[in-house]
């Protein structure tokens, strides 16, 4: 069951990184947000969701 949680977190992290790349933020800010998500996958994802830059692309 732990592997399912890991796959879900991985998919959400990839989605968050794609959203960060599509923002109008500076490259430095993008790199810092991506590093936060890579280093702290769960906590970084939560912090990004509430405080990070949002994508200009809507699905």
PDB file of N, CA and C in Angstrom:
ATOM      1  N   UNK A   1       0.819  -1.196   0.000  1.00  0.00           N
ATOM      2  CA  UNK A   1       0.000   0.000   0.000  1.00  0.00           C
ATOM      3  C   UNK A   1       0.864   1.261   0.000  1.00  0.00           C
ATOM      4  N   UNK A   2       2.065   1.164   0.569  1.00  0.00           N
ATOM      5  CA  UNK A   2       2.959   2.312   0.596  1.00  0.00           C
ATOM      6  C   UNK A   2       3.410   2.728  -0.795  1.00  0.00           C
ATOM      7  N   UNK A   3       3.523   1.750  -1.692  1.00  0.00           N
ATOM      8  CA  UNK A   3       3.954   2.074  -3.056  1.00  0.00           C
ATOM      9  C   UNK A   3       2.901   2.892  -3.780  1.00  0.00           C
ATOM     10  N   UNK A   4       1.624   2.680  -3.461  1.00  0.00           N
ATOM     11  CA  UNK A   4       0.565   3.464  -4.090  1.00  0.00           C
ATOM     12  C   UNK A   4       0.655   4.931  -3.670  1.00  0.00           C
ATOM     13  N   UNK A   5       0.890   5.160  -2.386  1.00  0.00           N
ATOM     14  CA  UNK A   5       1.073   6.523  -1.884  1.00  0.00           C
ATOM     15  C   UNK A   5       2.272   7.181  -2.563  1.00  0.00           C
ATOM     16  N   UNK A   6       3.354   6.427  -2.727  1.00  0.00           N
ATOM     17  CA  UNK A   6       4.561   6.952  -3.374  1.00  0.00           C
ATOM     18  C   UNK A   6       4.294   7.346  -4.820  1.00  0.00           C
ATOM     19  N   UNK A   7       3.555   6.524  -5.529  1.00  0.00           N
ATOM     20  CA  UNK A   7       3.238   6.821  -6.932  1.00  0.00           C
ATOM     21  C   UNK A   7       2.361   8.070  -7.032  1.00  0.00           C
ATOM     22  N   UNK A   8       1.405   8.197  -6.139  1.00  0.00           N
ATOM     23  CA  UNK A   8       0.522   9.374  -6.148  1.00  0.00           C
ATOM     24  C   UNK A   8       1.326  10.634  -5.863  1.00  0.00           C
ATOM     25  N   UNK A   9       2.186  10.596  -4.857  1.00  0.00           N
ATOM     26  CA  UNK A   9       3.020  11.764  -4.532  1.00  0.00           C
ATOM     27  C   UNK A   9       3.944  12.091  -5.690  1.00  0.00           C
ATOM     28  N   UNK A  10       4.527  11.086  -6.318  1.00  0.00           N
ATOM     29  CA  UNK A  10       5.406  11.323  -7.461  1.00  0.00           C
ATOM     30  C   UNK A  10       4.647  12.004  -8.599  1.00  0.00           C
ATOM     31  N   UNK A  11       3.455  11.507  -8.913  1.00  0.00           N
ATOM     32  CA  UNK A  11       2.651  12.094  -9.994  1.00  0.00           C
ATOM     33  C   UNK A  11       2.282  13.540  -9.665  1.00  0.00           C
ATOM     34  N   UNK A  12       1.912  13.811  -8.425  1.00  0.00           N
ATOM     35  CA  UNK A  12       1.569  15.178  -8.029  1.00  0.00           C
ATOM     36  C   UNK A  12       2.788  16.093  -8.080  1.00  0.00           C
ATOM     37  N   UNK A  13       3.955  15.577  -7.707  1.00  0.00           N
ATOM     38  CA  UNK A  13       5.181  16.372  -7.785  1.00  0.00           C
ATOM     39  C   UNK A  13       5.525  16.712  -9.232  1.00  0.00           C
ATOM     40  N   UNK A  14       5.393  15.752 -10.130  1.00  0.00           N
ATOM     41  CA  UNK A  14       5.658  16.005 -11.552  1.00  0.00           C
ATOM     42  C   UNK A  14       4.687  17.054 -12.079  1.00  0.00           C
ATOM     43  N   UNK A  15       3.413  16.929 -11.712  1.00  0.00           N
ATOM     44  CA  UNK A  15       2.398  17.911 -12.120  1.00  0.00           C
ATOM     45  C   UNK A  15       2.741  19.303 -11.579  1.00  0.00           C
ATOM     46  N   UNK A  16       3.149  19.385 -10.309  1.00  0.00           N
ATOM     47  CA  UNK A  16       3.495  20.672  -9.707  1.00  0.00           C
ATOM     48  C   UNK A  16       4.703  21.294 -10.409  1.00  0.00           C
ATOM     49  N   UNK A  17       5.698  20.501 -10.736  1.00  0.00           N
ATOM     50  CA  UNK A  17       6.884  21.018 -11.427  1.00  0.00           C
ATOM     51  C   UNK A  17       6.499  21.526 -12.817  1.00  0.00           C
ATOM     52  N   UNK A  18       5.631  20.811 -13.509  1.00  0.00           N
ATOM     53  CA  UNK A  18       5.167  21.286 -14.817  1.00  0.00           C
ATOM     54  C   UNK A  18       4.416  22.605 -14.674  1.00  0.00           C
ATOM     55  N   UNK A  19       3.615  22.744 -13.629  1.00  0.00           N
ATOM     56  CA  UNK A  19       2.894  23.989 -13.386  1.00  0.00           C
ATOM     57  C   UNK A  19       3.861  25.133 -13.083  1.00  0.00           C
ATOM     58  N   UNK A  20       4.894  24.852 -12.320  1.00  0.00           N
ATOM     59  CA  UNK A  20       5.894  25.880 -11.986  1.00  0.00           C
ATOM     60  C   UNK A  20       6.606  26.342 -13.244  1.00  0.00           C
ATOM     61  N   UNK A  21       6.958  25.422 -14.120  1.00  0.00           N
ATOM     62  CA  UNK A  21       7.663  25.777 -15.352  1.00  0.00           C
ATOM     63  C   UNK A  21       6.809  26.699 -16.218  1.00  0.00           C
ATOM     64  N   UNK A  22       5.492  26.543 -16.177  1.00  0.00           N
ATOM     65  CA  UNK A  22       4.591  27.351 -17.000  1.00  0.00           C
ATOM     66  C   UNK A  22       4.179  28.667 -16.357  1.00  0.00           C
ATOM     67  N   UNK A  23       4.825  29.064 -15.279  1.00  0.00           N
ATOM     68  CA  UNK A  23       4.487  30.337 -14.642  1.00  0.00           C
ATOM     69  C   UNK A  23       5.292  31.471 -15.256  1.00  0.00           C
ATOM     70  N   UNK A  24       4.925  32.672 -14.891  1.00  0.00           N
ATOM     71  CA  UNK A  24       5.657  33.848 -15.337  1.00  0.00           C
ATOM     72  C   UNK A  24       6.717  34.274 -14.339  1.00  0.00           C
ATOM     73  N   UNK A  25       6.994  33.431 -13.358  1.00  0.00           N
ATOM     74  CA  UNK A  25       7.994  33.753 -12.334  1.00  0.00           C
ATOM     75  C   UNK A  25       9.392  33.760 -12.958  1.00  0.00           C
ATOM     76  N   UNK A  26      10.322  34.392 -12.238  1.00  0.00           N
ATOM     77  CA  UNK A  26      11.704  34.427 -12.723  1.00  0.00           C
ATOM     78  C   UNK A  26      12.302  33.023 -12.677  1.00  0.00           C
ATOM     79  N   UNK A  27      13.349  32.822 -13.455  1.00  0.00           N
ATOM     80  CA  UNK A  27      13.997  31.506 -13.497  1.00  0.00           C
ATOM     81  C   UNK A  27      14.542  31.118 -12.127  1.00  0.00           C
ATOM     82  N   UNK A  28      15.050  32.091 -11.385  1.00  0.00           N
ATOM     83  CA  UNK A  28      15.581  31.814 -10.056  1.00  0.00           C
ATOM     84  C   UNK A  28      14.473  31.303  -9.134  1.00  0.00           C
ATOM     85  N   UNK A  29      13.324  31.942  -9.182  1.00  0.00           N
ATOM     86  CA  UNK A  29      12.196  31.511  -8.356  1.00  0.00           C
ATOM     87  C   UNK A  29      11.723  30.124  -8.773  1.00  0.00           C
ATOM     88  N   UNK A  30      11.685  29.859 -10.075  1.00  0.00           N
ATOM     89  CA  UNK A  30      11.280  28.537 -10.554  1.00  0.00           C
ATOM     90  C   UNK A  30      12.213  27.457 -10.028  1.00  0.00           C
ATOM     91  N   UNK A  31      13.512  27.714 -10.114  1.00  0.00           N
ATOM     92  CA  UNK A  31      14.499  26.740  -9.651  1.00  0.00           C
ATOM     93  C   UNK A  31      14.345  26.484  -8.159  1.00  0.00           C
ATOM     94  N   UNK A  32      14.138  27.535  -7.382  1.00  0.00           N
ATOM     95  CA  UNK A  32      13.982  27.364  -5.937  1.00  0.00           C
ATOM     96  C   UNK A  32      12.733  26.551  -5.599  1.00  0.00           C
ATOM     97  N   UNK A  33      11.629  26.809  -6.270  1.00  0.00           N
ATOM     98  CA  UNK A  33      10.399  26.050  -6.025  1.00  0.00           C
ATOM     99  C   UNK A  33      10.573  24.594  -6.434  1.00  0.00           C
ATOM    100  N   UNK A  34      11.211  24.359  -7.565  1.00  0.00           N
ATOM    101  CA  UNK A  34      11.431  22.983  -8.020  1.00  0.00           C
ATOM    102  C   UNK A  34      12.335  22.237  -7.049  1.00  0.00           C
ATOM    103  N   UNK A  35      13.394  22.889  -6.569  1.00  0.00           N
ATOM    104  CA  UNK A  35      14.279  22.261  -5.588  1.00  0.00           C
ATOM    105  C   UNK A  35      13.531  21.925  -4.310  1.00  0.00           C
ATOM    106  N   UNK A  36      12.656  22.813  -3.869  1.00  0.00           N
ATOM    107  CA  UNK A  36      11.872  22.552  -2.665  1.00  0.00           C
ATOM    108  C   UNK A  36      11.021  21.295  -2.836  1.00  0.00           C
ATOM    109  N   UNK A  37      10.396  21.159  -3.991  1.00  0.00           N
ATOM    110  CA  UNK A  37       9.547  20.000  -4.241  1.00  0.00           C
ATOM    111  C   UNK A  37      10.373  18.724  -4.385  1.00  0.00           C
ATOM    112  N   UNK A  38      11.546  18.821  -4.989  1.00  0.00           N
ATOM    113  CA  UNK A  38      12.388  17.635  -5.168  1.00  0.00           C
ATOM    114  C   UNK A  38      12.975  17.184  -3.823  1.00  0.00           C
ATOM    115  N   UNK A  39      13.409  18.131  -3.002  1.00  0.00           N
ATOM    116  CA  UNK A  39      14.035  17.786  -1.727  1.00  0.00           C
ATOM    117  C   UNK A  39      13.001  17.335  -0.690  1.00  0.00           C
ATOM    118  N   UNK A  40      11.860  18.017  -0.638  1.00  0.00           N
ATOM    119  CA  UNK A  40      10.798  17.689   0.317  1.00  0.00           C
ATOM    120  C   UNK A  40       9.508  17.421  -0.451  1.00  0.00           C
ATOM    121  N   UNK A  41       9.347  16.238  -1.012  1.00  0.00           N
ATOM    122  CA  UNK A  41       8.225  15.987  -1.921  1.00  0.00           C
ATOM    123  C   UNK A  41       6.841  16.290  -1.345  1.00  0.00           C
ATOM    124  N   UNK A  42       6.531  15.823  -0.160  1.00  0.00           N
ATOM    125  CA  UNK A  42       5.193  16.018   0.390  1.00  0.00           C
ATOM    126  C   UNK A  42       5.034  17.434   0.940  1.00  0.00           C
ATOM    127  N   UNK A  43       5.955  17.850   1.790  1.00  0.00           N
ATOM    128  CA  UNK A  43       5.879  19.183   2.392  1.00  0.00           C
ATOM    129  C   UNK A  43       6.032  20.259   1.330  1.00  0.00           C
ATOM    130  N   UNK A  44       6.971  20.068   0.399  1.00  0.00           N
ATOM    131  CA  UNK A  44       7.176  21.035  -0.676  1.00  0.00           C
ATOM    132  C   UNK A  44       5.948  21.196  -1.548  1.00  0.00           C
ATOM    133  N   UNK A  45       5.270  20.092  -1.813  1.00  0.00           N
ATOM    134  CA  UNK A  45       4.045  20.136  -2.612  1.00  0.00           C
ATOM    135  C   UNK A  45       2.955  20.933  -1.899  1.00  0.00           C
ATOM    136  N   UNK A  46       2.823  20.709  -0.609  1.00  0.00           N
ATOM    137  CA  UNK A  46       1.808  21.438   0.166  1.00  0.00           C
ATOM    138  C   UNK A  46       2.136  22.926   0.223  1.00  0.00           C
ATOM    139  N   UNK A  47       3.389  23.264   0.478  1.00  0.00           N
ATOM    140  CA  UNK A  47       3.797  24.673   0.532  1.00  0.00           C
ATOM    141  C   UNK A  47       3.581  25.338  -0.822  1.00  0.00           C
ATOM    142  N   UNK A  48       3.971  24.658  -1.894  1.00  0.00           N
ATOM    143  CA  UNK A  48       3.778  25.222  -3.231  1.00  0.00           C
ATOM    144  C   UNK A  48       2.296  25.460  -3.517  1.00  0.00           C
ATOM    145  N   UNK A  49       1.458  24.512  -3.126  1.00  0.00           N
ATOM    146  CA  UNK A  49       0.026  24.627  -3.412  1.00  0.00           C
ATOM    147  C   UNK A  49      -0.571  25.890  -2.790  1.00  0.00           C
ATOM    148  N   UNK A  50      -0.143  26.220  -1.578  1.00  0.00           N
ATOM    149  CA  UNK A  50      -0.706  27.377  -0.893  1.00  0.00           C
ATOM    150  C   UNK A  50       0.043  28.677  -1.166  1.00  0.00           C
ATOM    151  N   UNK A  51       1.354  28.613  -1.430  1.00  0.00           N
ATOM    152  CA  UNK A  51       2.135  29.847  -1.524  1.00  0.00           C
ATOM    153  C   UNK A  51       2.899  30.030  -2.826  1.00  0.00           C
ATOM    154  N   UNK A  52       2.953  29.016  -3.659  1.00  0.00           N
ATOM    155  CA  UNK A  52       3.790  29.077  -4.852  1.00  0.00           C
ATOM    156  C   UNK A  52       3.139  29.777  -6.021  1.00  0.00           C
ATOM    157  N   UNK A  53       3.944  30.017  -7.053  1.00  0.00           N
ATOM    158  CA  UNK A  53       3.408  30.650  -8.262  1.00  0.00           C
ATOM    159  C   UNK A  53       2.477  29.688  -8.991  1.00  0.00           C
ATOM    160  N   UNK A  54       1.435  30.224  -9.545  1.00  0.00           N
ATOM    161  CA  UNK A  54       0.458  29.401 -10.268  1.00  0.00           C
ATOM    162  C   UNK A  54       0.676  29.538 -11.768  1.00  0.00           C
ATOM    163  N   UNK A  55       0.363  28.488 -12.468  1.00  0.00           N
ATOM    164  CA  UNK A  55       0.548  28.430 -13.922  1.00  0.00           C
ATOM    165  C   UNK A  55      -0.428  29.353 -14.644  1.00  0.00           C
ATOM    166  N   UNK A  56       0.010  29.828 -15.795  1.00  0.00           N
ATOM    167  CA  UNK A  56      -0.854  30.639 -16.656  1.00  0.00           C
ATOM    168  C   UNK A  56      -1.724  29.758 -17.536  1.00  0.00           C
ATOM    169  N   UNK A  57      -1.409  28.467 -17.621  1.00  0.00           N
ATOM    170  CA  UNK A  57      -2.126  27.532 -18.467  1.00  0.00           C
ATOM    171  C   UNK A  57      -3.215  26.866 -17.652  1.00  0.00           C
ATOM    172  N   UNK A  58      -4.438  26.880 -18.160  1.00  0.00           N
ATOM    173  CA  UNK A  58      -5.564  26.225 -17.476  1.00  0.00           C
ATOM    174  C   UNK A  58      -6.030  25.044 -18.306  1.00  0.00           C
ATOM    175  N   UNK A  59      -6.404  23.969 -17.638  1.00  0.00           N
ATOM    176  CA  UNK A  59      -6.872  22.770 -18.333  1.00  0.00           C
ATOM    177  C   UNK A  59      -8.374  22.742 -18.360  1.00  0.00           C
TER     178      UNK A  59
END
